[in-house]
Amino acid sequence: VGTGDIVHKIVGSTRKAGTFSVASNPEFLREGVAIRDFLEPDRVVIGVEDKFAEERLVALYRVPLESQKTPIVVTRRRTSELIKYAANAFLATKITFINEMADLCEQVGSNVGELALGMGLDKRIGTSFLNAGPGYGGSCFPKDTMALLRTAQDYGVSVRVVEETVTANEARKRRMALKVMDALDGDVQGRTIAVLGLTFKPDTDDMRDAPSVPLIETLQRFGAQIRAYDPVGAENASRILSDVEFHDDAYECARGADA
């Protein structure tokens, strides 16, 4: 937040004021469905400081998106920059919340899938991002939550919910390994563990901050032998993970494994 101001100052050192504009137009593309998100966005956000930039950017989007009635949100540049971080931080918080509810469900003997359905049908909450799992990863959520925290720190503002989200997510990635160990009576020394799915989400080969990495590395430290399968991410995973036996078929990977 404030990057546009810096760019404006740099350009302004060689161009006269009023002869150029700097705008913020954040993207909200999800890996795996980026083309669909580009052609059918839920909203377009434009951050501008002058009418010249606003009119041209609105015109750029209005015609191709008019039939879909896509909302175009026009705001100040810094607000536009912050919207991107705030949206991803909120979704990361939602994922972390359902993961902590999953822990509670296990202790009280309830089902987190049914819990998520019962919550998600409330229109104020919605069903998306309520799938319990080993924590979020990828290129956006870790980067954007940390960027939001850094911005808040720079301005002396406390965003405790996001701070706790980041801490809880990192702890969850490693706790998944302990859950596997508990299922094997606390000892994985010499045991074979099959890991099905390595990237941070389906339909991508992106291994950035993938929860599978700390899971596998923790199990290896306790002596487990790891086999792994991912339909699209094995090549990238092989550059990051060592001493892992990769398979081309999920059933072959699982056959004979202890877990």
C-alpha atoms as a PDB file:
ATOM      1  CA  VAL A   1       0.000   0.000   0.000  1.00  0.00           C
ATOM      2  CA  GLY A   2       1.559   3.258  -1.178  1.00  0.00           C
ATOM      3  CA  THR A   3       3.401   1.697  -4.127  1.00  0.00           C
ATOM      4  CA  GLY A   4       1.420   3.874  -6.538  1.00  0.00           C
ATOM      5  CA  ASP A   5       2.586   6.980  -4.706  1.00  0.00           C
ATOM      6  CA  ILE A   6       6.214   5.871  -5.076  1.00  0.00           C
ATOM      7  CA  VAL A   7       5.748   5.142  -8.805  1.00  0.00           C
ATOM      8  CA  HIS A   8       4.055   8.532  -9.237  1.00  0.00           C
ATOM      9  CA  LYS A   9       7.015  10.265  -7.579  1.00  0.00           C
ATOM     10  CA  ILE A  10       9.546   8.426  -9.772  1.00  0.00           C
ATOM     11  CA  VAL A  11       7.701   9.198 -13.011  1.00  0.00           C
ATOM     12  CA  GLY A  12       7.092  12.739 -11.793  1.00  0.00           C
ATOM     13  CA  SER A  13      10.839  13.328 -11.574  1.00  0.00           C
ATOM     14  CA  THR A  14      11.030  13.238 -15.390  1.00  0.00           C
ATOM     15  CA  ARG A  15       7.481  14.186 -16.463  1.00  0.00           C
ATOM     16  CA  LYS A  16       5.450  17.327 -15.765  1.00  0.00           C
ATOM     17  CA  ALA A  17       2.527  17.073 -13.366  1.00  0.00           C
ATOM     18  CA  GLY A  18      -0.746  16.597 -15.256  1.00  0.00           C
ATOM     19  CA  THR A  19       0.885  14.820 -18.226  1.00  0.00           C
ATOM     20  CA  PHE A  20       0.589  11.297 -16.760  1.00  0.00           C
ATOM     21  CA  SER A  21      -1.482   9.221 -14.346  1.00  0.00           C
ATOM     22  CA  VAL A  22      -0.691   6.270 -12.111  1.00  0.00           C
ATOM     23  CA  ALA A  23      -3.562   3.894 -11.289  1.00  0.00           C
ATOM     24  CA  SER A  24      -4.038   0.700  -9.306  1.00  0.00           C
ATOM     25  CA  ASN A  25      -5.973  -2.131 -10.938  1.00  0.00           C
ATOM     26  CA  PRO A  26      -5.522  -5.273  -8.786  1.00  0.00           C
ATOM     27  CA  GLU A  27      -6.109  -8.723 -10.223  1.00  0.00           C
ATOM     28  CA  PHE A  28      -8.175 -11.370  -8.426  1.00  0.00           C
ATOM     29  CA  LEU A  29      -7.266 -14.372 -10.601  1.00  0.00           C
ATOM     30  CA  ARG A  30      -7.223 -17.808  -8.964  1.00  0.00           C
ATOM     31  CA  GLU A  31      -4.675 -20.384 -10.089  1.00  0.00           C
ATOM     32  CA  GLY A  32      -6.320 -23.121 -12.131  1.00  0.00           C
ATOM     33  CA  VAL A  33      -9.278 -20.949 -13.235  1.00  0.00           C
ATOM     34  CA  ALA A  34      -7.462 -17.732 -14.176  1.00  0.00           C
ATOM     35  CA  ILE A  35      -8.928 -17.451 -17.696  1.00  0.00           C
ATOM     36  CA  ARG A  36     -12.488 -17.802 -16.397  1.00  0.00           C
ATOM     37  CA  ASP A  37     -11.817 -15.238 -13.664  1.00  0.00           C
ATOM     38  CA  PHE A  38     -10.398 -12.843 -16.272  1.00  0.00           C
ATOM     39  CA  LEU A  39     -13.392 -13.170 -18.607  1.00  0.00           C
ATOM     40  CA  GLU A  40     -16.049 -13.331 -15.845  1.00  0.00           C
ATOM     41  CA  PRO A  41     -14.769 -11.347 -12.841  1.00  0.00           C
ATOM     42  CA  ASP A  42     -16.962 -10.836  -9.736  1.00  0.00           C
ATOM     43  CA  ARG A  43     -15.784  -7.203  -9.702  1.00  0.00           C
ATOM     44  CA  VAL A  44     -13.242  -4.823 -11.197  1.00  0.00           C
ATOM     45  CA  VAL A  45     -11.403  -2.500  -8.806  1.00  0.00           C
ATOM     46  CA  ILE A  46      -9.848   0.717 -10.080  1.00  0.00           C
ATOM     47  CA  GLY A  47      -7.819   3.033  -7.854  1.00  0.00           C
ATOM     48  CA  VAL A  48      -7.255   6.484  -9.341  1.00  0.00           C
ATOM     49  CA  GLU A  49      -6.335  10.004  -8.282  1.00  0.00           C
ATOM     50  CA  ASP A  50      -7.744  11.891 -11.285  1.00  0.00           C
ATOM     51  CA  LYS A  51     -10.704  11.878 -13.679  1.00  0.00           C
ATOM     52  CA  PHE A  52      -8.499  11.312 -16.736  1.00  0.00           C
ATOM     53  CA  ALA A  53      -7.391   7.873 -15.469  1.00  0.00           C
ATOM     54  CA  GLU A  54     -10.853   6.983 -14.151  1.00  0.00           C
ATOM     55  CA  GLU A  55     -12.621   7.643 -17.465  1.00  0.00           C
ATOM     56  CA  ARG A  56     -10.111   5.615 -19.501  1.00  0.00           C
ATOM     57  CA  LEU A  57     -10.019   2.613 -17.178  1.00  0.00           C
ATOM     58  CA  VAL A  58     -13.808   2.492 -16.810  1.00  0.00           C
ATOM     59  CA  ALA A  59     -14.118   2.662 -20.617  1.00  0.00           C
ATOM     60  CA  LEU A  60     -11.571  -0.159 -20.957  1.00  0.00           C
ATOM     61  CA  TYR A  61     -13.729  -2.536 -18.906  1.00  0.00           C
ATOM     62  CA  ARG A  62     -17.280  -1.301 -19.472  1.00  0.00           C
ATOM     63  CA  VAL A  63     -17.848  -2.603 -23.009  1.00  0.00           C
ATOM     64  CA  PRO A  64     -16.561  -6.213 -22.656  1.00  0.00           C
ATOM     65  CA  LEU A  65     -18.189  -6.662 -19.232  1.00  0.00           C
ATOM     66  CA  GLU A  66     -21.418  -4.705 -19.777  1.00  0.00           C
ATOM     67  CA  SER A  67     -23.559  -7.762 -20.596  1.00  0.00           C
ATOM     68  CA  GLN A  68     -22.482  -9.466 -17.358  1.00  0.00           C
ATOM     69  CA  LYS A  69     -23.283  -6.398 -15.257  1.00  0.00           C
ATOM     70  CA  THR A  70     -19.897  -6.748 -13.543  1.00  0.00           C
ATOM     71  CA  PRO A  71     -19.555  -4.114 -10.785  1.00  0.00           C
ATOM     72  CA  ILE A  72     -16.739  -1.620 -11.357  1.00  0.00           C
ATOM     73  CA  VAL A  73     -15.507  -0.203  -8.055  1.00  0.00           C
ATOM     74  CA  VAL A  74     -13.780   3.165  -8.440  1.00  0.00           C
ATOM     75  CA  THR A  75     -11.820   4.316  -5.415  1.00  0.00           C
ATOM     76  CA  ARG A  76      -8.655   6.089  -4.339  1.00  0.00           C
ATOM     77  CA  ARG A  77      -5.363   4.438  -5.297  1.00  0.00           C
ATOM     78  CA  ARG A  78      -4.348   3.390  -1.769  1.00  0.00           C
ATOM     79  CA  THR A  79      -7.785   1.898  -1.087  1.00  0.00           C
ATOM     80  CA  SER A  80      -7.499  -0.171  -4.259  1.00  0.00           C
ATOM     81  CA  GLU A  81      -4.085  -1.447  -3.164  1.00  0.00           C
ATOM     82  CA  LEU A  82      -5.473  -2.345   0.263  1.00  0.00           C
ATOM     83  CA  ILE A  83      -8.576  -4.113  -1.111  1.00  0.00           C
ATOM     84  CA  LYS A  84      -6.396  -6.822  -2.657  1.00  0.00           C
ATOM     85  CA  TYR A  85      -4.607  -7.578   0.622  1.00  0.00           C
ATOM     86  CA  ALA A  86      -7.736  -7.319   2.749  1.00  0.00           C
ATOM     87  CA  ALA A  87      -9.688  -9.731   0.525  1.00  0.00           C
ATOM     88  CA  ASN A  88      -6.982 -12.408   0.608  1.00  0.00           C
ATOM     89  CA  ALA A  89      -6.372 -11.949   4.340  1.00  0.00           C
ATOM     90  CA  PHE A  90     -10.094 -12.444   4.999  1.00  0.00           C
ATOM     91  CA  LEU A  91     -10.179 -15.658   2.949  1.00  0.00           C
ATOM     92  CA  ALA A  92      -7.048 -16.910   4.719  1.00  0.00           C
ATOM     93  CA  THR A  93      -8.749 -16.184   8.047  1.00  0.00           C
ATOM     94  CA  LYS A  94     -11.832 -18.124   6.932  1.00  0.00           C
ATOM     95  CA  ILE A  95      -9.693 -21.165   6.061  1.00  0.00           C
ATOM     96  CA  THR A  96      -7.861 -20.971   9.381  1.00  0.00           C
ATOM     97  CA  PHE A  97     -11.139 -20.662  11.284  1.00  0.00           C
ATOM     98  CA  ILE A  98     -12.613 -23.849   9.815  1.00  0.00           C
ATOM     99  CA  ASN A  99      -9.322 -25.667  10.452  1.00  0.00           C
ATOM    100  CA  GLU A 100      -9.493 -24.747  14.129  1.00  0.00           C
ATOM    101  CA  MET A 101     -13.154 -25.807  14.193  1.00  0.00           C
ATOM    102  CA  ALA A 102     -11.986 -29.162  12.760  1.00  0.00           C
ATOM    103  CA  ASP A 103      -9.720 -29.599  15.793  1.00  0.00           C
ATOM    104  CA  LEU A 104     -12.636 -28.822  18.091  1.00  0.00           C
ATOM    105  CA  CYS A 105     -14.905 -31.218  16.177  1.00  0.00           C
ATOM    106  CA  GLU A 106     -12.424 -34.051  16.711  1.00  0.00           C
ATOM    107  CA  GLN A 107     -12.412 -33.440  20.452  1.00  0.00           C
ATOM    108  CA  VAL A 108     -16.190 -33.184  20.896  1.00  0.00           C
ATOM    109  CA  GLY A 109     -17.027 -36.012  18.476  1.00  0.00           C
ATOM    110  CA  SER A 110     -18.701 -34.003  15.714  1.00  0.00           C
ATOM    111  CA  ASN A 111     -18.220 -33.808  11.932  1.00  0.00           C
ATOM    112  CA  VAL A 112     -16.489 -30.743  10.480  1.00  0.00           C
ATOM    113  CA  GLY A 113     -17.925 -31.327   6.987  1.00  0.00           C
ATOM    114  CA  GLU A 114     -21.466 -31.141   8.341  1.00  0.00           C
ATOM    115  CA  LEU A 115     -20.489 -28.200  10.541  1.00  0.00           C
ATOM    116  CA  ALA A 116     -19.164 -26.322   7.479  1.00  0.00           C
ATOM    117  CA  LEU A 117     -22.374 -27.041   5.566  1.00  0.00           C
ATOM    118  CA  GLY A 118     -24.535 -25.842   8.449  1.00  0.00           C
ATOM    119  CA  MET A 119     -22.469 -22.654   8.697  1.00  0.00           C
ATOM    120  CA  GLY A 120     -22.020 -22.056   4.974  1.00  0.00           C
ATOM    121  CA  LEU A 121     -25.714 -22.109   4.101  1.00  0.00           C
ATOM    122  CA  ASP A 122     -25.996 -18.873   6.065  1.00  0.00           C
ATOM    123  CA  LYS A 123     -25.857 -16.367   3.177  1.00  0.00           C
ATOM    124  CA  ARG A 124     -23.789 -13.995   5.310  1.00  0.00           C
ATOM    125  CA  ILE A 125     -21.043 -16.639   5.559  1.00  0.00           C
ATOM    126  CA  GLY A 126     -21.192 -18.680   2.336  1.00  0.00           C
ATOM    127  CA  THR A 127     -19.846 -22.182   1.653  1.00  0.00           C
ATOM    128  CA  SER A 128     -16.560 -21.271  -0.085  1.00  0.00           C
ATOM    129  CA  PHE A 129     -13.257 -21.579   1.796  1.00  0.00           C
ATOM    130  CA  LEU A 130     -14.821 -23.744   4.488  1.00  0.00           C
ATOM    131  CA  ASN A 131     -13.031 -26.986   3.574  1.00  0.00           C
ATOM    132  CA  ALA A 132     -10.899 -28.114   6.511  1.00  0.00           C
ATOM    133  CA  GLY A 133      -7.376 -29.171   5.582  1.00  0.00           C
ATOM    134  CA  PRO A 134      -3.654 -28.871   6.309  1.00  0.00           C
ATOM    135  CA  GLY A 135      -3.543 -25.065   5.999  1.00  0.00           C
ATOM    136  CA  TYR A 136      -3.355 -22.566   3.160  1.00  0.00           C
ATOM    137  CA  GLY A 137      -0.345 -22.048   0.888  1.00  0.00           C
ATOM    138  CA  GLY A 138       0.359 -20.816  -2.622  1.00  0.00           C
ATOM    139  CA  SER A 139       1.592 -17.532  -4.025  1.00  0.00           C
ATOM    140  CA  CYS A 140      -1.111 -15.158  -2.752  1.00  0.00           C
ATOM    141  CA  PHE A 141      -2.365 -15.843   0.763  1.00  0.00           C
ATOM    142  CA  PRO A 142       1.032 -16.141   2.529  1.00  0.00           C
ATOM    143  CA  LYS A 143       2.472 -13.146   0.641  1.00  0.00           C
ATOM    144  CA  ASP A 144      -0.584 -10.903   0.997  1.00  0.00           C
ATOM    145  CA  THR A 145      -1.242 -11.611   4.679  1.00  0.00           C
ATOM    146  CA  MET A 146       2.402 -10.769   5.445  1.00  0.00           C
ATOM    147  CA  ALA A 147       2.227  -7.623   3.286  1.00  0.00           C
ATOM    148  CA  LEU A 148      -0.921  -6.520   5.136  1.00  0.00           C
ATOM    149  CA  LEU A 149       0.779  -7.102   8.485  1.00  0.00           C
ATOM    150  CA  ARG A 150       3.854  -5.143   7.355  1.00  0.00           C
ATOM    151  CA  THR A 151       1.699  -2.232   6.186  1.00  0.00           C
ATOM    152  CA  ALA A 152      -0.186  -2.225   9.498  1.00  0.00           C
ATOM    153  CA  GLN A 153       3.091  -2.258  11.446  1.00  0.00           C
ATOM    154  CA  ASP A 154       4.463   0.628   9.355  1.00  0.00           C
ATOM    155  CA  TYR A 155       1.434   2.710  10.328  1.00  0.00           C
ATOM    156  CA  GLY A 156       1.277   1.552  13.959  1.00  0.00           C
ATOM    157  CA  VAL A 157      -2.034  -0.302  13.567  1.00  0.00           C
ATOM    158  CA  SER A 158      -2.797  -3.653  15.218  1.00  0.00           C
ATOM    159  CA  VAL A 159      -4.490  -6.309  13.060  1.00  0.00           C
ATOM    160  CA  ARG A 160      -4.585  -9.112  15.614  1.00  0.00           C
ATOM    161  CA  VAL A 161      -6.938 -11.381  13.667  1.00  0.00           C
ATOM    162  CA  VAL A 162      -4.536 -11.559  10.717  1.00  0.00           C
ATOM    163  CA  GLU A 163      -1.524 -11.998  13.021  1.00  0.00           C
ATOM    164  CA  GLU A 164      -3.192 -15.002  14.694  1.00  0.00           C
ATOM    165  CA  THR A 165      -4.246 -16.388  11.299  1.00  0.00           C
ATOM    166  CA  VAL A 166      -0.639 -16.471  10.076  1.00  0.00           C
ATOM    167  CA  THR A 167       0.611 -18.042  13.330  1.00  0.00           C
ATOM    168  CA  ALA A 168      -2.156 -20.666  13.443  1.00  0.00           C
ATOM    169  CA  ASN A 169      -1.670 -21.599   9.775  1.00  0.00           C
ATOM    170  CA  GLU A 170       2.064 -22.193  10.172  1.00  0.00           C
ATOM    171  CA  ALA A 171       1.476 -24.336  13.262  1.00  0.00           C
ATOM    172  CA  ARG A 172      -1.203 -26.379  11.485  1.00  0.00           C
ATOM    173  CA  LYS A 173       1.104 -27.408   8.644  1.00  0.00           C
ATOM    174  CA  ARG A 174       3.433 -29.147  11.096  1.00  0.00           C
ATOM    175  CA  ARG A 175       0.640 -30.467  13.304  1.00  0.00           C
ATOM    176  CA  MET A 176      -0.611 -32.531  10.364  1.00  0.00           C
ATOM    177  CA  ALA A 177       2.545 -34.664  10.662  1.00  0.00           C
ATOM    178  CA  LEU A 178       1.782 -35.297  14.340  1.00  0.00           C
ATOM    179  CA  LYS A 179      -1.741 -36.433  13.402  1.00  0.00           C
ATOM    180  CA  VAL A 180      -0.220 -38.999  11.030  1.00  0.00           C
ATOM    181  CA  MET A 181       2.136 -40.151  13.787  1.00  0.00           C
ATOM    182  CA  ASP A 182      -0.751 -40.484  16.246  1.00  0.00           C
ATOM    183  CA  ALA A 183      -2.571 -42.693  13.743  1.00  0.00           C
ATOM    184  CA  LEU A 184       0.489 -44.973  13.739  1.00  0.00           C
ATOM    185  CA  ASP A 185       0.734 -45.183  17.559  1.00  0.00           C
ATOM    186  CA  GLY A 186       3.268 -42.350  17.748  1.00  0.00           C
ATOM    187  CA  ASP A 187       6.083 -44.004  15.794  1.00  0.00           C
ATOM    188  CA  VAL A 188       6.824 -43.620  12.068  1.00  0.00           C
ATOM    189  CA  GLN A 189      10.434 -44.837  12.152  1.00  0.00           C
ATOM    190  CA  GLY A 190      10.880 -47.059   9.067  1.00  0.00           C
ATOM    191  CA  ARG A 191       7.194 -46.726   8.159  1.00  0.00           C
ATOM    192  CA  THR A 192       6.094 -45.941   4.598  1.00  0.00           C
ATOM    193  CA  ILE A 193       3.783 -42.949   4.222  1.00  0.00           C
ATOM    194  CA  ALA A 194       2.023 -42.234   0.914  1.00  0.00           C
ATOM    195  CA  VAL A 195       1.265 -38.562   0.310  1.00  0.00           C
ATOM    196  CA  LEU A 196      -1.461 -37.993  -2.285  1.00  0.00           C
ATOM    197  CA  GLY A 197      -1.361 -34.424  -3.552  1.00  0.00           C
ATOM    198  CA  LEU A 198       1.634 -32.117  -3.196  1.00  0.00           C
ATOM    199  CA  THR A 199       0.761 -28.683  -4.597  1.00  0.00           C
ATOM    200  CA  PHE A 200      -1.037 -26.103  -2.469  1.00  0.00           C
ATOM    201  CA  LYS A 201      -4.319 -26.674  -4.356  1.00  0.00           C
ATOM    202  CA  PRO A 202      -5.709 -28.773  -7.247  1.00  0.00           C
ATOM    203  CA  ASP A 203      -5.265 -27.902 -10.936  1.00  0.00           C
ATOM    204  CA  THR A 204      -1.899 -26.175 -10.501  1.00  0.00           C
ATOM    205  CA  ASP A 205       1.757 -27.242 -10.319  1.00  0.00           C
ATOM    206  CA  ASP A 206       2.558 -24.462  -7.821  1.00  0.00           C
ATOM    207  CA  MET A 207       4.546 -25.663  -4.798  1.00  0.00           C
ATOM    208  CA  ARG A 208       4.996 -22.254  -3.172  1.00  0.00           C
ATOM    209  CA  ASP A 209       4.267 -22.556   0.577  1.00  0.00           C
ATOM    210  CA  ALA A 210       2.521 -25.884  -0.067  1.00  0.00           C
ATOM    211  CA  PRO A 211       1.494 -27.511   3.258  1.00  0.00           C
ATOM    212  CA  SER A 212       2.800 -30.853   1.956  1.00  0.00           C
ATOM    213  CA  VAL A 213       6.415 -29.656   2.325  1.00  0.00           C
ATOM    214  CA  PRO A 214       6.546 -29.177   6.130  1.00  0.00           C
ATOM    215  CA  LEU A 215       4.328 -32.269   6.512  1.00  0.00           C
ATOM    216  CA  ILE A 216       6.764 -34.456   4.563  1.00  0.00           C
ATOM    217  CA  GLU A 217       9.904 -32.942   6.066  1.00  0.00           C
ATOM    218  CA  THR A 218       8.598 -33.421   9.628  1.00  0.00           C
ATOM    219  CA  LEU A 219       7.696 -37.064   8.960  1.00  0.00           C
ATOM    220  CA  GLN A 220      11.142 -37.627   7.420  1.00  0.00           C
ATOM    221  CA  ARG A 221      12.828 -36.203  10.521  1.00  0.00           C
ATOM    222  CA  PHE A 222      11.028 -38.855  12.555  1.00  0.00           C
ATOM    223  CA  GLY A 223      12.281 -41.596  10.237  1.00  0.00           C
ATOM    224  CA  ALA A 224       9.403 -42.119   7.805  1.00  0.00           C
ATOM    225  CA  GLN A 225       9.924 -43.246   4.196  1.00  0.00           C
ATOM    226  CA  ILE A 226       7.861 -41.020   1.881  1.00  0.00           C
ATOM    227  CA  ARG A 227       6.164 -41.918  -1.377  1.00  0.00           C
ATOM    228  CA  ALA A 228       4.296 -39.179  -3.219  1.00  0.00           C
ATOM    229  CA  TYR A 229       1.853 -38.668  -6.068  1.00  0.00           C
ATOM    230  CA  ASP A 230       0.542 -35.481  -7.673  1.00  0.00           C
ATOM    231  CA  PRO A 231      -1.137 -35.417 -11.111  1.00  0.00           C
ATOM    232  CA  VAL A 232       0.525 -32.151 -12.198  1.00  0.00           C
ATOM    233  CA  GLY A 233       2.966 -31.043  -9.494  1.00  0.00           C
ATOM    234  CA  ALA A 234       5.486 -33.886  -9.234  1.00  0.00           C
ATOM    235  CA  GLU A 235       8.144 -32.210 -11.384  1.00  0.00           C
ATOM    236  CA  ASN A 236       8.202 -29.013  -9.332  1.00  0.00           C
ATOM    237  CA  ALA A 237       7.918 -30.976  -6.086  1.00  0.00           C
ATOM    238  CA  SER A 238      10.975 -33.065  -6.989  1.00  0.00           C
ATOM    239  CA  ARG A 239      13.066 -29.868  -7.046  1.00  0.00           C
ATOM    240  CA  ILE A 240      12.047 -29.018  -3.484  1.00  0.00           C
ATOM    241  CA  LEU A 241      11.721 -32.382  -1.727  1.00  0.00           C
ATOM    242  CA  SER A 242      14.566 -34.849  -1.264  1.00  0.00           C
ATOM    243  CA  ASP A 243      14.539 -38.597  -0.496  1.00  0.00           C
ATOM    244  CA  VAL A 244      10.970 -38.916  -1.781  1.00  0.00           C
ATOM    245  CA  GLU A 245       9.873 -41.756  -4.077  1.00  0.00           C
ATOM    246  CA  PHE A 246       7.566 -40.255  -6.735  1.00  0.00           C
ATOM    247  CA  HIS A 247       4.851 -42.321  -8.435  1.00  0.00           C
ATOM    248  CA  ASP A 248       2.793 -41.767 -11.575  1.00  0.00           C
ATOM    249  CA  ASP A 249      -0.327 -43.457 -10.213  1.00  0.00           C
ATOM    250  CA  ALA A 250      -2.160 -42.771  -6.948  1.00  0.00           C
ATOM    251  CA  TYR A 251      -3.056 -46.441  -6.340  1.00  0.00           C
ATOM    252  CA  GLU A 252       0.493 -47.585  -7.002  1.00  0.00           C
ATOM    253  CA  CYS A 253       1.724 -44.936  -4.560  1.00  0.00           C
ATOM    254  CA  ALA A 254      -0.692 -46.078  -1.837  1.00  0.00           C
ATOM    255  CA  ARG A 255      -0.219 -49.837  -2.315  1.00  0.00           C
ATOM    256  CA  GLY A 256       1.475 -51.384   0.713  1.00  0.00           C
ATOM    257  CA  ALA A 257       1.931 -48.078   2.561  1.00  0.00           C
ATOM    258  CA  ASP A 258       1.464 -47.929   6.351  1.00  0.00           C
ATOM    259  CA  ALA A 259      -0.563 -44.719   6.042  1.00  0.00           C
END
